[in-house]
Amino acid sequence: QEADPQKAVSLLRKQWSLYSVTPLYRFSGAHLKEYARLLGAFIAAEKQKGLAVGEGVDLGVQVTFSSLPELRGGHRDQPAVLVQLSSRSSVSPKSSDEKLVWSGCFCCVAGEDFSENVPEDFTCLPLFLANGAESYLAMVGSWFQKTFDCHFCRLSISPLNLSWMAAMWTGCSVEKNACATELLFSVPCLPQPLDISYAIHPEDAKALWDTVQKTPGEITQEEVSLYMDCLYSHFHRHFKIHLSATKLVKVSTAIASAHCNGTIKFLQSKYLPGVLKLLTELAISQIQ
């Protein structure tokens, strides 16, 4: 299929589950139409085995593969590949009434160093995003694993990486009426689960980050730690609670929101490549 710049925008404001993917054997961006046909046939065969999903009687799933060259860090990166499944119900069998039921996106943003060390028969798209029913994900994942000899593994986000995201995204310029920066902490070792939500005005968070960051455009672990320590001491001053004894489980900003269980929601198209670059690094570190 041809590249469609509008398709990248479809990644925004959806909840995506994150996976790392080992290199794909003999995958080619020139054969996306053929892959769509083969995957469609595979899903149809699986459905005949009684694995049908969706409401009402399903008249089959339309599969499209799209190239997203704008979602890469450099010319040596592979263009991202978006896989979309659309379904038609028996109630309205017109093609215009197709409903998008599942999306998946393979990415490699600034992963050139990793790609260089892989044999030429392999394609590196180490980050995979999925949105939609688990049953479709199982079928698509199974087809990719059989066809390209790759392996999918769920990607979680550590509290340390969440704190990096909080600092990086706080430092990004956003419009004046941006939503608050919100950090969600889980309190361990309690009989009942307890979460603490800590919301900071975006301008206050940005002002704090600006006092911490020494070199604009560069971020160090020391700066991230200092930023989080400042937030913790402010919270302790008001509520006498040591957040350092809790676990950071979610970060929400105007740029994106990410959860430690490996889900993310992108909110700004301008910063989409930057967020995907960070996630690509996490996916590569898990594969290696």
C-alpha atoms as a PDB file:
ATOM      1  CA  GLN A   1       0.000   0.000   0.000  1.00  0.00           C
ATOM      2  CA  GLU A   2       1.070   3.575  -0.575  1.00  0.00           C
ATOM      3  CA  ALA A   3       2.343   5.811   2.223  1.00  0.00           C
ATOM      4  CA  ASP A   4      -0.400   7.952   3.780  1.00  0.00           C
ATOM      5  CA  PRO A   5       0.725  10.804   6.076  1.00  0.00           C
ATOM      6  CA  GLN A   6      -2.760  10.948   7.637  1.00  0.00           C
ATOM      7  CA  LYS A   7      -2.386   7.380   8.919  1.00  0.00           C
ATOM      8  CA  ALA A   8       0.257   8.478  11.471  1.00  0.00           C
ATOM      9  CA  VAL A   9      -2.335  10.789  13.056  1.00  0.00           C
ATOM     10  CA  SER A  10      -4.515   7.713  13.686  1.00  0.00           C
ATOM     11  CA  LEU A  11      -2.031   6.710  16.408  1.00  0.00           C
ATOM     12  CA  LEU A  12      -3.135   9.652  18.566  1.00  0.00           C
ATOM     13  CA  ARG A  13      -5.567   9.406  21.509  1.00  0.00           C
ATOM     14  CA  LYS A  14      -5.805   5.610  21.501  1.00  0.00           C
ATOM     15  CA  GLN A  15      -4.666   3.239  24.212  1.00  0.00           C
ATOM     16  CA  TRP A  16      -1.782   1.178  22.813  1.00  0.00           C
ATOM     17  CA  SER A  17      -0.262  -1.951  24.347  1.00  0.00           C
ATOM     18  CA  LEU A  18       3.505  -2.174  23.873  1.00  0.00           C
ATOM     19  CA  TYR A  19       5.512  -5.180  22.654  1.00  0.00           C
ATOM     20  CA  SER A  20       9.092  -5.821  21.602  1.00  0.00           C
ATOM     21  CA  VAL A  21       9.590  -7.838  18.399  1.00  0.00           C
ATOM     22  CA  THR A  22      12.675  -9.728  17.267  1.00  0.00           C
ATOM     23  CA  PRO A  23      13.874  -8.977  13.686  1.00  0.00           C
ATOM     24  CA  LEU A  24      11.560 -10.182  10.900  1.00  0.00           C
ATOM     25  CA  TYR A  25      13.085 -12.709   8.473  1.00  0.00           C
ATOM     26  CA  ARG A  26      12.611 -11.875   4.783  1.00  0.00           C
ATOM     27  CA  PHE A  27      10.058  -9.120   5.372  1.00  0.00           C
ATOM     28  CA  SER A  28       9.863  -6.546   2.570  1.00  0.00           C
ATOM     29  CA  GLY A  29       8.087  -3.174   2.513  1.00  0.00           C
ATOM     30  CA  ALA A  30       7.538  -3.738  -1.241  1.00  0.00           C
ATOM     31  CA  HIS A  31       5.112  -6.624  -0.597  1.00  0.00           C
ATOM     32  CA  LEU A  32       2.599  -4.996   1.804  1.00  0.00           C
ATOM     33  CA  LYS A  33      -0.414  -5.631  -0.492  1.00  0.00           C
ATOM     34  CA  GLU A  34       0.455  -9.324  -0.700  1.00  0.00           C
ATOM     35  CA  TYR A  35       0.900  -9.528   3.101  1.00  0.00           C
ATOM     36  CA  ALA A  36      -2.541  -7.933   3.575  1.00  0.00           C
ATOM     37  CA  ARG A  37      -4.094 -10.583   1.313  1.00  0.00           C
ATOM     38  CA  LEU A  38      -2.323 -13.457   3.087  1.00  0.00           C
ATOM     39  CA  LEU A  39      -3.141 -12.193   6.580  1.00  0.00           C
ATOM     40  CA  GLY A  40      -6.793 -11.702   5.548  1.00  0.00           C
ATOM     41  CA  ALA A  41      -6.952 -15.318   4.339  1.00  0.00           C
ATOM     42  CA  PHE A  42      -5.321 -16.539   7.574  1.00  0.00           C
ATOM     43  CA  ILE A  43      -7.843 -14.645   9.757  1.00  0.00           C
ATOM     44  CA  ALA A  44     -10.753 -15.990   7.672  1.00  0.00           C
ATOM     45  CA  ALA A  45      -9.455 -19.550   8.177  1.00  0.00           C
ATOM     46  CA  GLU A  46      -9.031 -19.005  11.931  1.00  0.00           C
ATOM     47  CA  LYS A  47     -12.584 -17.632  12.190  1.00  0.00           C
ATOM     48  CA  GLN A  48     -13.942 -20.750  10.500  1.00  0.00           C
ATOM     49  CA  LYS A  49     -12.421 -22.748  13.349  1.00  0.00           C
ATOM     50  CA  GLY A  50     -14.804 -20.950  15.716  1.00  0.00           C
ATOM     51  CA  LEU A  51     -12.552 -18.104  16.776  1.00  0.00           C
ATOM     52  CA  ALA A  52     -14.903 -15.386  15.476  1.00  0.00           C
ATOM     53  CA  VAL A  53     -14.992 -12.057  17.314  1.00  0.00           C
ATOM     54  CA  GLY A  54     -17.166  -8.971  16.937  1.00  0.00           C
ATOM     55  CA  GLU A  55     -20.856  -8.164  17.141  1.00  0.00           C
ATOM     56  CA  GLY A  56     -23.501  -9.859  15.032  1.00  0.00           C
ATOM     57  CA  VAL A  57     -22.657 -12.060  12.091  1.00  0.00           C
ATOM     58  CA  ASP A  58     -19.266 -11.085  10.719  1.00  0.00           C
ATOM     59  CA  LEU A  59     -18.939 -10.807   6.947  1.00  0.00           C
ATOM     60  CA  GLY A  60     -15.175 -11.012   7.048  1.00  0.00           C
ATOM     61  CA  VAL A  61     -12.299  -8.759   7.926  1.00  0.00           C
ATOM     62  CA  GLN A  62     -10.645  -6.335   5.538  1.00  0.00           C
ATOM     63  CA  VAL A  63      -6.880  -6.114   6.137  1.00  0.00           C
ATOM     64  CA  THR A  64      -4.759  -3.122   5.092  1.00  0.00           C
ATOM     65  CA  PHE A  65      -1.004  -2.601   5.455  1.00  0.00           C
ATOM     66  CA  SER A  66       0.307   0.985   5.191  1.00  0.00           C
ATOM     67  CA  SER A  67       3.845   2.355   5.158  1.00  0.00           C
ATOM     68  CA  LEU A  68       4.483   5.301   7.523  1.00  0.00           C
ATOM     69  CA  PRO A  69       7.900   6.676   6.446  1.00  0.00           C
ATOM     70  CA  GLU A  70       7.412   9.805   8.592  1.00  0.00           C
ATOM     71  CA  LEU A  71       7.697   7.630  11.708  1.00  0.00           C
ATOM     72  CA  ARG A  72      11.412   6.938  11.680  1.00  0.00           C
ATOM     73  CA  GLY A  73      14.452   8.632  13.185  1.00  0.00           C
ATOM     74  CA  GLY A  74      16.817   8.558  10.197  1.00  0.00           C
ATOM     75  CA  HIS A  75      16.999   7.344   6.593  1.00  0.00           C
ATOM     76  CA  ARG A  76      18.561   4.052   7.704  1.00  0.00           C
ATOM     77  CA  ASP A  77      15.523   3.218   9.859  1.00  0.00           C
ATOM     78  CA  GLN A  78      12.803   1.064   8.320  1.00  0.00           C
ATOM     79  CA  PRO A  79       9.531   2.986   7.724  1.00  0.00           C
ATOM     80  CA  ALA A  80       6.875   2.113  10.284  1.00  0.00           C
ATOM     81  CA  VAL A  81       4.209  -0.348   9.108  1.00  0.00           C
ATOM     82  CA  LEU A  82       0.576   0.097  10.159  1.00  0.00           C
ATOM     83  CA  VAL A  83      -1.719  -2.948  10.052  1.00  0.00           C
ATOM     84  CA  GLN A  84      -5.463  -2.252  10.260  1.00  0.00           C
ATOM     85  CA  LEU A  85      -8.370  -4.703  10.444  1.00  0.00           C
ATOM     86  CA  SER A  86     -11.847  -3.485   9.502  1.00  0.00           C
ATOM     87  CA  SER A  87     -15.050  -5.477   9.887  1.00  0.00           C
ATOM     88  CA  ARG A  88     -18.492  -5.357   8.248  1.00  0.00           C
ATOM     89  CA  SER A  89     -21.628  -6.628   9.972  1.00  0.00           C
ATOM     90  CA  SER A  90     -24.501  -8.421   8.224  1.00  0.00           C
ATOM     91  CA  VAL A  91     -26.822  -5.549   9.214  1.00  0.00           C
ATOM     92  CA  SER A  92     -25.066  -3.074   6.917  1.00  0.00           C
ATOM     93  CA  PRO A  93     -22.902  -4.925   4.378  1.00  0.00           C
ATOM     94  CA  LYS A  94     -21.912  -1.763   2.471  1.00  0.00           C
ATOM     95  CA  SER A  95     -18.141  -1.218   2.273  1.00  0.00           C
ATOM     96  CA  SER A  96     -18.596   2.388   3.522  1.00  0.00           C
ATOM     97  CA  ASP A  97     -19.843   0.955   6.832  1.00  0.00           C
ATOM     98  CA  GLU A  98     -16.590  -0.828   7.602  1.00  0.00           C
ATOM     99  CA  LYS A  99     -15.611  -0.417  11.229  1.00  0.00           C
ATOM    100  CA  LEU A 100     -11.975  -0.361  12.337  1.00  0.00           C
ATOM    101  CA  VAL A 101     -11.732  -3.161  14.911  1.00  0.00           C
ATOM    102  CA  TRP A 102      -7.988  -3.535  15.456  1.00  0.00           C
ATOM    103  CA  SER A 103      -4.735  -1.693  14.692  1.00  0.00           C
ATOM    104  CA  GLY A 104      -1.097  -2.650  15.065  1.00  0.00           C
ATOM    105  CA  CYS A 105       2.020  -0.630  14.250  1.00  0.00           C
ATOM    106  CA  PHE A 106       5.616  -1.831  13.819  1.00  0.00           C
ATOM    107  CA  CYS A 107       8.202   0.928  14.438  1.00  0.00           C
ATOM    108  CA  CYS A 108      11.918   1.563  14.517  1.00  0.00           C
ATOM    109  CA  VAL A 109      12.700   5.185  15.427  1.00  0.00           C
ATOM    110  CA  ALA A 110      16.457   5.855  15.699  1.00  0.00           C
ATOM    111  CA  GLY A 111      17.340   2.182  15.992  1.00  0.00           C
ATOM    112  CA  GLU A 112      20.129   2.253  13.374  1.00  0.00           C
ATOM    113  CA  ASP A 113      22.820   0.900  15.709  1.00  0.00           C
ATOM    114  CA  PHE A 114      20.705  -2.169  16.416  1.00  0.00           C
ATOM    115  CA  SER A 115      19.826  -2.656  12.722  1.00  0.00           C
ATOM    116  CA  GLU A 116      23.486  -2.532  11.659  1.00  0.00           C
ATOM    117  CA  ASN A 117      24.311  -5.637  13.710  1.00  0.00           C
ATOM    118  CA  VAL A 118      21.570  -7.749  12.139  1.00  0.00           C
ATOM    119  CA  PRO A 119      22.059  -9.933   9.003  1.00  0.00           C
ATOM    120  CA  GLU A 120      20.687  -8.367   5.808  1.00  0.00           C
ATOM    121  CA  ASP A 121      17.874 -10.915   5.418  1.00  0.00           C
ATOM    122  CA  PHE A 122      16.293  -9.499   8.572  1.00  0.00           C
ATOM    123  CA  THR A 123      14.205  -6.330   9.010  1.00  0.00           C
ATOM    124  CA  CYS A 124      14.348  -4.491  12.339  1.00  0.00           C
ATOM    125  CA  LEU A 125      11.027  -3.108  13.555  1.00  0.00           C
ATOM    126  CA  PRO A 126      11.572  -3.793  17.284  1.00  0.00           C
ATOM    127  CA  LEU A 127       8.646  -1.805  18.712  1.00  0.00           C
ATOM    128  CA  PHE A 128       5.075  -3.023  18.199  1.00  0.00           C
ATOM    129  CA  LEU A 129       1.928  -1.164  19.301  1.00  0.00           C
ATOM    130  CA  ALA A 130      -1.475  -2.880  19.450  1.00  0.00           C
ATOM    131  CA  ASN A 131      -4.951  -1.416  19.892  1.00  0.00           C
ATOM    132  CA  GLY A 132      -8.094  -3.569  19.893  1.00  0.00           C
ATOM    133  CA  ALA A 133      -9.348  -7.017  20.875  1.00  0.00           C
ATOM    134  CA  GLU A 134      -6.842  -9.538  22.238  1.00  0.00           C
ATOM    135  CA  SER A 135      -8.316 -12.214  19.930  1.00  0.00           C
ATOM    136  CA  TYR A 136      -7.266 -10.242  16.828  1.00  0.00           C
ATOM    137  CA  LEU A 137      -3.835  -9.598  18.326  1.00  0.00           C
ATOM    138  CA  ALA A 138      -3.416 -13.351  18.884  1.00  0.00           C
ATOM    139  CA  MET A 139      -4.248 -14.091  15.230  1.00  0.00           C
ATOM    140  CA  VAL A 140      -2.064 -11.311  13.783  1.00  0.00           C
ATOM    141  CA  GLY A 141       0.828 -12.182  16.118  1.00  0.00           C
ATOM    142  CA  SER A 142       0.553 -15.872  15.202  1.00  0.00           C
ATOM    143  CA  TRP A 143       0.640 -15.081  11.463  1.00  0.00           C
ATOM    144  CA  PHE A 144       3.673 -12.773  11.788  1.00  0.00           C
ATOM    145  CA  GLN A 145       5.539 -15.320  13.925  1.00  0.00           C
ATOM    146  CA  LYS A 146       4.910 -18.124  11.427  1.00  0.00           C
ATOM    147  CA  THR A 147       5.594 -16.003   8.324  1.00  0.00           C
ATOM    148  CA  PHE A 148       8.637 -14.019   9.457  1.00  0.00           C
ATOM    149  CA  ASP A 149      10.078 -16.229  12.214  1.00  0.00           C
ATOM    150  CA  CYS A 150       9.823 -13.424  14.813  1.00  0.00           C
ATOM    151  CA  HIS A 151       8.807 -13.379  18.471  1.00  0.00           C
ATOM    152  CA  PHE A 152       6.569 -10.891  20.331  1.00  0.00           C
ATOM    153  CA  CYS A 153       7.111 -10.102  24.009  1.00  0.00           C
ATOM    154  CA  ARG A 154       5.040  -7.759  26.188  1.00  0.00           C
ATOM    155  CA  LEU A 155       6.975  -4.586  27.045  1.00  0.00           C
ATOM    156  CA  SER A 156       6.534  -3.115  30.517  1.00  0.00           C
ATOM    157  CA  ILE A 157       7.868   0.290  31.642  1.00  0.00           C
ATOM    158  CA  SER A 158       9.949   0.485  34.820  1.00  0.00           C
ATOM    159  CA  PRO A 159       9.450   3.263  37.435  1.00  0.00           C
ATOM    160  CA  LEU A 160      12.902   4.579  36.425  1.00  0.00           C
ATOM    161  CA  ASN A 161      11.838   4.906  32.767  1.00  0.00           C
ATOM    162  CA  LEU A 162       8.542   6.492  33.844  1.00  0.00           C
ATOM    163  CA  SER A 163      10.477   9.138  35.783  1.00  0.00           C
ATOM    164  CA  TRP A 164      12.537   9.840  32.631  1.00  0.00           C
ATOM    165  CA  MET A 165       9.296  10.257  30.680  1.00  0.00           C
ATOM    166  CA  ALA A 166       7.933  12.625  33.346  1.00  0.00           C
ATOM    167  CA  ALA A 167      11.057  14.804  33.099  1.00  0.00           C
ATOM    168  CA  MET A 168      11.406  14.702  29.293  1.00  0.00           C
ATOM    169  CA  TRP A 169       7.769  15.438  28.564  1.00  0.00           C
ATOM    170  CA  THR A 170       7.620  18.183  31.201  1.00  0.00           C
ATOM    171  CA  GLY A 171      10.453  19.939  29.368  1.00  0.00           C
ATOM    172  CA  CYS A 172       8.499  20.037  26.076  1.00  0.00           C
ATOM    173  CA  SER A 173       6.726  23.264  25.127  1.00  0.00           C
ATOM    174  CA  VAL A 174       2.951  22.959  24.976  1.00  0.00           C
ATOM    175  CA  GLU A 175       0.033  25.368  24.723  1.00  0.00           C
ATOM    176  CA  LYS A 176      -0.971  27.466  27.752  1.00  0.00           C
ATOM    177  CA  ASN A 177      -4.130  25.460  28.571  1.00  0.00           C
ATOM    178  CA  ALA A 178      -2.298  22.141  28.693  1.00  0.00           C
ATOM    179  CA  CYS A 179      -3.501  19.480  31.108  1.00  0.00           C
ATOM    180  CA  ALA A 180      -1.781  18.982  34.450  1.00  0.00           C
ATOM    181  CA  THR A 181       1.226  16.712  34.830  1.00  0.00           C
ATOM    182  CA  GLU A 182      -0.052  13.790  36.877  1.00  0.00           C
ATOM    183  CA  LEU A 183       2.001  11.116  38.602  1.00  0.00           C
ATOM    184  CA  LEU A 184       0.324   8.016  40.004  1.00  0.00           C
ATOM    185  CA  PHE A 185       2.042   6.075  42.789  1.00  0.00           C
ATOM    186  CA  SER A 186       1.173   2.663  44.188  1.00  0.00           C
ATOM    187  CA  VAL A 187       1.743   2.049  47.906  1.00  0.00           C
ATOM    188  CA  PRO A 188       3.285  -1.411  48.469  1.00  0.00           C
ATOM    189  CA  CYS A 189       2.712  -3.932  51.278  1.00  0.00           C
ATOM    190  CA  LEU A 190      -0.845  -2.940  52.154  1.00  0.00           C
ATOM    191  CA  PRO A 191      -3.794  -5.356  52.632  1.00  0.00           C
ATOM    192  CA  GLN A 192      -5.872  -3.220  50.214  1.00  0.00           C
ATOM    193  CA  PRO A 193      -4.408  -1.534  47.098  1.00  0.00           C
ATOM    194  CA  LEU A 194      -3.800   2.189  47.607  1.00  0.00           C
ATOM    195  CA  ASP A 195      -2.796   4.672  44.900  1.00  0.00           C
ATOM    196  CA  ILE A 196      -1.674   8.271  45.389  1.00  0.00           C
ATOM    197  CA  SER A 197      -2.302  10.749  42.580  1.00  0.00           C
ATOM    198  CA  TYR A 198      -0.038  13.805  42.433  1.00  0.00           C
ATOM    199  CA  ALA A 199      -1.091  16.541  39.980  1.00  0.00           C
ATOM    200  CA  ILE A 200       1.225  19.445  39.155  1.00  0.00           C
ATOM    201  CA  HIS A 201       0.305  22.522  37.102  1.00  0.00           C
ATOM    202  CA  PRO A 202       2.166  22.147  33.761  1.00  0.00           C
ATOM    203  CA  GLU A 203       3.794  25.600  34.028  1.00  0.00           C
ATOM    204  CA  ASP A 204       4.994  24.862  37.587  1.00  0.00           C
ATOM    205  CA  ALA A 205       6.411  21.497  36.471  1.00  0.00           C
ATOM    206  CA  LYS A 206       8.165  23.170  33.493  1.00  0.00           C
ATOM    207  CA  ALA A 207       9.584  25.941  35.737  1.00  0.00           C
ATOM    208  CA  LEU A 208      10.981  23.322  38.133  1.00  0.00           C
ATOM    209  CA  TRP A 209      12.515  21.319  35.280  1.00  0.00           C
ATOM    210  CA  ASP A 210      14.121  24.473  33.848  1.00  0.00           C
ATOM    211  CA  THR A 211      15.899  25.088  37.178  1.00  0.00           C
ATOM    212  CA  VAL A 212      17.156  21.472  37.236  1.00  0.00           C
ATOM    213  CA  GLN A 213      18.295  21.046  33.625  1.00  0.00           C
ATOM    214  CA  LYS A 214      21.814  22.285  32.978  1.00  0.00           C
ATOM    215  CA  THR A 215      22.204  21.714  29.214  1.00  0.00           C
ATOM    216  CA  PRO A 216      19.101  22.264  27.057  1.00  0.00           C
ATOM    217  CA  GLY A 217      18.516  19.357  24.670  1.00  0.00           C
ATOM    218  CA  GLU A 218      20.405  16.919  26.895  1.00  0.00           C
ATOM    219  CA  ILE A 219      19.087  15.025  29.905  1.00  0.00           C
ATOM    220  CA  THR A 220      21.098  13.137  32.500  1.00  0.00           C
ATOM    221  CA  GLN A 221      20.069  10.612  35.133  1.00  0.00           C
ATOM    222  CA  GLU A 222      21.270  13.080  37.783  1.00  0.00           C
ATOM    223  CA  GLU A 223      18.861  15.751  36.511  1.00  0.00           C
ATOM    224  CA  VAL A 224      15.929  13.307  36.375  1.00  0.00           C
ATOM    225  CA  SER A 225      16.643  12.144  39.939  1.00  0.00           C
ATOM    226  CA  LEU A 226      16.927  15.735  41.192  1.00  0.00           C
ATOM    227  CA  TYR A 227      13.651  16.688  39.477  1.00  0.00           C
ATOM    228  CA  MET A 228      11.796  13.766  41.084  1.00  0.00           C
ATOM    229  CA  ASP A 229      13.415  14.459  44.499  1.00  0.00           C
ATOM    230  CA  CYS A 230      12.182  18.068  44.345  1.00  0.00           C
ATOM    231  CA  LEU A 231       8.648  16.855  43.609  1.00  0.00           C
ATOM    232  CA  TYR A 232       8.873  14.300  46.442  1.00  0.00           C
ATOM    233  CA  SER A 233      10.063  16.860  49.018  1.00  0.00           C
ATOM    234  CA  HIS A 234       7.320  19.317  48.015  1.00  0.00           C
ATOM    235  CA  PHE A 235       4.738  16.542  48.485  1.00  0.00           C
ATOM    236  CA  HIS A 236       6.238  15.521  51.848  1.00  0.00           C
ATOM    237  CA  ARG A 237       6.183  19.132  53.070  1.00  0.00           C
ATOM    238  CA  HIS A 238       2.418  19.290  52.489  1.00  0.00           C
ATOM    239  CA  PHE A 239       1.230  15.749  53.248  1.00  0.00           C
ATOM    240  CA  LYS A 240       4.047  14.164  55.327  1.00  0.00           C
ATOM    241  CA  ILE A 241       4.148  11.185  52.933  1.00  0.00           C
ATOM    242  CA  HIS A 242       7.428   9.825  51.542  1.00  0.00           C
ATOM    243  CA  LEU A 243       6.701   9.120  47.858  1.00  0.00           C
ATOM    244  CA  SER A 244      10.188   7.613  47.549  1.00  0.00           C
ATOM    245  CA  ALA A 245       8.805   4.617  49.496  1.00  0.00           C
ATOM    246  CA  THR A 246       6.078   4.061  46.872  1.00  0.00           C
ATOM    247  CA  LYS A 247       6.205   2.832  43.262  1.00  0.00           C
ATOM    248  CA  LEU A 248       5.637   5.180  40.319  1.00  0.00           C
ATOM    249  CA  VAL A 249       3.109   3.381  38.085  1.00  0.00           C
ATOM    250  CA  LYS A 250       1.768   6.030  35.697  1.00  0.00           C
ATOM    251  CA  VAL A 251       2.802   9.362  34.181  1.00  0.00           C
ATOM    252  CA  SER A 252       0.315  11.635  32.391  1.00  0.00           C
ATOM    253  CA  THR A 253       1.343  14.843  30.619  1.00  0.00           C
ATOM    254  CA  ALA A 254       0.149  16.936  27.671  1.00  0.00           C
ATOM    255  CA  ILE A 255       2.573  14.952  25.440  1.00  0.00           C
ATOM    256  CA  ALA A 256       1.530  11.397  26.349  1.00  0.00           C
ATOM    257  CA  SER A 257       0.464   9.160  29.217  1.00  0.00           C
ATOM    258  CA  ALA A 258       2.253   5.910  30.027  1.00  0.00           C
ATOM    259  CA  HIS A 259       1.548   3.105  32.520  1.00  0.00           C
ATOM    260  CA  CYS A 260       4.037   0.604  33.968  1.00  0.00           C
ATOM    261  CA  ASN A 261       1.903  -2.270  32.588  1.00  0.00           C
ATOM    262  CA  GLY A 262       3.116  -1.308  29.095  1.00  0.00           C
ATOM    263  CA  THR A 263       0.270   0.852  27.800  1.00  0.00           C
ATOM    264  CA  ILE A 264       0.622   4.327  26.303  1.00  0.00           C
ATOM    265  CA  LYS A 265      -1.544   7.051  24.817  1.00  0.00           C
ATOM    266  CA  PHE A 266      -0.004   9.640  22.445  1.00  0.00           C
ATOM    267  CA  LEU A 267      -1.544  13.119  22.658  1.00  0.00           C
ATOM    268  CA  GLN A 268       0.613  15.365  20.431  1.00  0.00           C
ATOM    269  CA  SER A 269       1.553  14.533  16.827  1.00  0.00           C
ATOM    270  CA  LYS A 270       4.525  16.952  16.996  1.00  0.00           C
ATOM    271  CA  TYR A 271       6.198  14.837  19.705  1.00  0.00           C
ATOM    272  CA  LEU A 272       5.140  11.415  18.383  1.00  0.00           C
ATOM    273  CA  PRO A 273       8.553  10.535  16.820  1.00  0.00           C
ATOM    274  CA  GLY A 274      10.351  11.551  20.045  1.00  0.00           C
ATOM    275  CA  VAL A 275       8.147   9.338  22.216  1.00  0.00           C
ATOM    276  CA  LEU A 276       8.480   6.440  19.758  1.00  0.00           C
ATOM    277  CA  LYS A 277      12.278   6.855  19.842  1.00  0.00           C
ATOM    278  CA  LEU A 278      12.289   6.335  23.615  1.00  0.00           C
ATOM    279  CA  LEU A 279       9.978   3.311  23.304  1.00  0.00           C
ATOM    280  CA  THR A 280      12.158   1.865  20.499  1.00  0.00           C
ATOM    281  CA  GLU A 281      15.155   2.048  22.876  1.00  0.00           C
ATOM    282  CA  LEU A 282      13.182   0.170  25.544  1.00  0.00           C
ATOM    283  CA  ALA A 283      12.096  -2.495  23.029  1.00  0.00           C
ATOM    284  CA  ILE A 284      15.667  -2.985  21.759  1.00  0.00           C
ATOM    285  CA  SER A 285      17.052  -3.280  25.303  1.00  0.00           C
ATOM    286  CA  GLN A 286      14.499  -6.034  26.000  1.00  0.00           C
ATOM    287  CA  ILE A 287      15.428  -7.974  22.833  1.00  0.00           C
ATOM    288  CA  GLN A 288      19.165  -7.718  23.530  1.00  0.00           C
END
